[in-house]
Protein backbone atom coordinates (compact mmCIF):
# COMPACT_ATOMS: atom_id res chain seq x y z
CA TRP A 1 -24.72 33.51 -2.49
CA TYR A 2 -22.24 36.23 -1.52
CA GLN A 3 -20.37 33.90 0.85
CA ARG A 4 -20.00 31.21 -1.86
CA ARG A 5 -18.67 33.66 -4.43
CA VAL A 6 -16.19 35.21 -1.99
CA HIS A 7 -14.86 31.88 -0.68
CA GLY A 8 -14.63 30.15 -4.01
CA GLU A 9 -16.81 28.34 -6.45
CA SER A 10 -20.38 27.27 -5.87
CA SER A 11 -21.10 23.59 -5.32
CA GLN A 12 -22.68 23.50 -8.78
CA ASP A 13 -19.41 24.70 -10.35
CA GLN A 14 -17.46 22.13 -8.33
CA HIS A 15 -19.87 19.39 -9.42
CA ARG A 16 -19.45 20.44 -13.07
CA GLU A 17 -15.65 20.39 -12.72
CA MET A 18 -15.74 16.94 -11.09
CA LYS A 19 -17.90 15.56 -13.92
CA ALA A 20 -15.47 16.99 -16.47
CA LEU A 21 -12.52 15.43 -14.65
CA VAL A 22 -14.21 12.01 -14.50
CA LEU A 23 -15.07 12.24 -18.21
CA LEU A 24 -11.44 13.10 -19.01
CA VAL A 25 -10.10 10.12 -17.03
CA VAL A 26 -12.59 7.68 -18.58
CA THR A 27 -11.80 9.00 -22.07
CA ALA A 28 -8.05 8.58 -21.47
CA LEU A 29 -8.58 4.99 -20.29
CA VAL A 30 -10.76 4.11 -23.29
CA ILE A 31 -8.25 5.64 -25.72
CA ASP A 32 -5.39 3.78 -24.04
CA GLN A 33 -7.20 0.45 -24.32
CA SER A 34 -8.59 1.07 -27.81
CA LEU A 35 -5.14 1.73 -29.26
CA GLY A 36 -4.70 -2.05 -29.30
CA LEU A 37 -7.86 -2.43 -31.38
CA PHE A 38 -6.75 0.04 -34.05
CA PHE A 39 -2.96 -0.05 -33.86
CA GLY A 40 -2.23 -3.48 -32.42
CA THR A 41 -1.13 -4.62 -29.01
CA PRO A 42 1.59 -2.58 -27.26
CA ARG A 43 5.09 -3.95 -27.47
CA SER A 44 6.32 -5.95 -24.49
CA GLN A 45 8.70 -4.09 -22.18
CA CYS A 46 10.21 -7.22 -20.67
CA SER A 47 10.43 -10.97 -20.96
CA SER A 48 11.27 -11.79 -17.34
CA ASP A 49 11.51 -10.12 -13.91
CA SER A 50 15.23 -9.50 -14.43
CA GLY A 51 14.39 -7.19 -17.36
CA CYS A 52 12.56 -4.75 -15.07
CA PRO A 53 13.87 -2.00 -12.79
CA THR A 54 14.47 -2.92 -9.17
CA PHE A 55 12.96 -1.17 -6.14
CA ARG A 56 15.14 0.32 -3.40
CA ARG A 57 13.68 0.01 0.06
CA SER A 58 14.84 0.63 3.60
CA ARG A 59 13.92 -0.82 6.96
CA CYS A 60 14.48 0.28 10.51
CA LEU A 61 16.97 -1.56 12.68
CA GLY A 62 15.78 -1.51 16.24
CA GLY A 63 12.92 0.53 17.63
CA PHE A 64 11.12 3.58 16.34
CA LEU A 65 13.54 6.10 17.86
CA SER A 66 16.60 4.35 16.44
CA CYS A 67 15.07 4.64 12.97
CA ILE A 68 14.48 8.37 13.42
CA PHE A 69 18.16 8.82 14.20
CA GLY A 70 19.27 6.98 11.04
CA ASN A 71 19.63 3.39 12.22
CA SER A 72 18.24 1.79 9.06
CA GLU A 73 19.46 -0.31 6.16
CA SER A 74 18.71 -0.22 2.45
CA TYR A 75 17.94 -3.28 0.38
CA ILE A 76 16.85 -4.07 -3.17
CA VAL A 77 13.67 -5.84 -4.28
CA SER A 78 13.58 -7.40 -7.75
CA GLY A 79 11.33 -5.88 -10.37
CA ARG A 80 8.36 -7.77 -11.76
CA CYS A 81 7.39 -8.47 -15.36
CA LEU A 82 3.59 -8.68 -15.60
CA ASN A 83 1.40 -10.41 -18.17
CA ARG A 84 -1.10 -7.99 -19.69
CA SER A 85 -3.84 -8.20 -22.28
CA ASN A 86 -5.58 -5.53 -24.33
CA PHE A 87 -9.32 -5.70 -23.63
CA PHE A 88 -10.47 -4.27 -26.98
CA CYS A 89 -8.14 -6.55 -28.90
CA ASP A 90 -9.64 -9.54 -27.04
CA VAL A 91 -13.17 -8.31 -27.88
CA GLY A 92 -12.12 -7.96 -31.52
CA ASN A 93 -10.93 -11.58 -31.48
CA LEU A 94 -14.22 -12.68 -29.94
CA PHE A 95 -16.23 -11.09 -32.76
CA GLY A 96 -13.64 -11.71 -35.47
CA GLY A 97 -15.48 -14.59 -37.07
CA GLY A 98 -13.34 -17.17 -38.81
CA ARG A 99 -10.21 -15.09 -39.19
CA ARG A 100 -7.05 -15.95 -37.30
CA PRO A 101 -7.12 -14.28 -33.85
CA ARG A 102 -4.58 -11.57 -33.11
CA ASN A 103 -2.17 -11.85 -30.19
CA CYS A 104 -3.51 -9.45 -27.56
CA ARG A 105 -0.95 -10.32 -24.90
CA TYR A 106 2.07 -8.27 -23.90
CA ARG A 107 4.39 -7.97 -20.89
CA GLN A 108 4.95 -4.83 -18.87
CA CYS A 109 7.21 -3.94 -15.93
CA ALA A 110 5.43 -3.22 -12.66
CA GLN A 111 5.53 0.43 -11.66
CA CYS A 112 5.35 -0.61 -7.99
CA LEU A 113 4.98 -3.65 -5.76
CA ALA A 114 4.09 -1.84 -2.53
CA ASN A 115 3.03 1.67 -1.51
CA GLU A 116 6.60 2.59 -0.57
CA ASP A 117 7.68 2.11 -4.21
CA CYS A 118 5.58 5.09 -5.32
CA THR A 119 7.65 8.25 -5.20
CA GLY A 120 5.03 10.86 -6.15
CA PHE A 121 3.20 12.98 -3.60
CA ASP A 122 0.35 11.14 -1.84
CA GLN A 123 0.46 8.02 -4.02
CA TYR A 124 -0.32 4.38 -3.31
CA CYS A 125 0.28 1.15 -5.22
CA SER A 126 -2.72 -0.58 -6.76
CA GLY A 127 -2.52 -3.29 -9.41
CA SER A 128 1.25 -2.68 -9.77
CA THR A 129 0.59 0.96 -10.74
CA CYS A 130 1.13 4.10 -8.64
CA ILE A 131 -2.15 5.98 -8.13
CA THR A 132 -2.40 9.54 -6.79
CA ARG A 133 -4.98 9.90 -4.03
CA GLN A 134 -7.85 12.23 -4.79
CA THR A 135 -7.95 15.08 -2.32
CA ASN A 136 -11.23 16.69 -1.36
CA THR A 137 -10.95 20.38 -2.13
CA ASN A 138 -14.40 21.12 -0.72
CA THR A 139 -13.83 23.18 2.42
CA GLY A 140 -17.47 23.07 3.42
CA LYS A 141 -17.87 26.84 3.28
């Protein structure tokens, strides 16, 4: 017990914090999706790929060492306008009976197309969105 208290939280405290974090993330996702049910579908950000921000990338020219010493070139990749749908709005249409269904579709610019488009610390691209990797803070002590 003494070693756990000196070196940080007990595993029970860490487990409780992890459950709270998971609950917070799930709640945020549900609220985000349910906004369409109560307040309508989000407004489209774009109508075509040209309406979205571009992504600046670079590539090495030559071998690994030449890239380290600055032998690279920059290039631009076009942005992407994605078709999206609000899940809760779609469910509302499914159970809406005879009333005219609401438009649950909207368009949104991709936040990323590849991992290198994510600029935050320790992020990767998944589903055109930058996700921060979860780091394990458990030191095993």
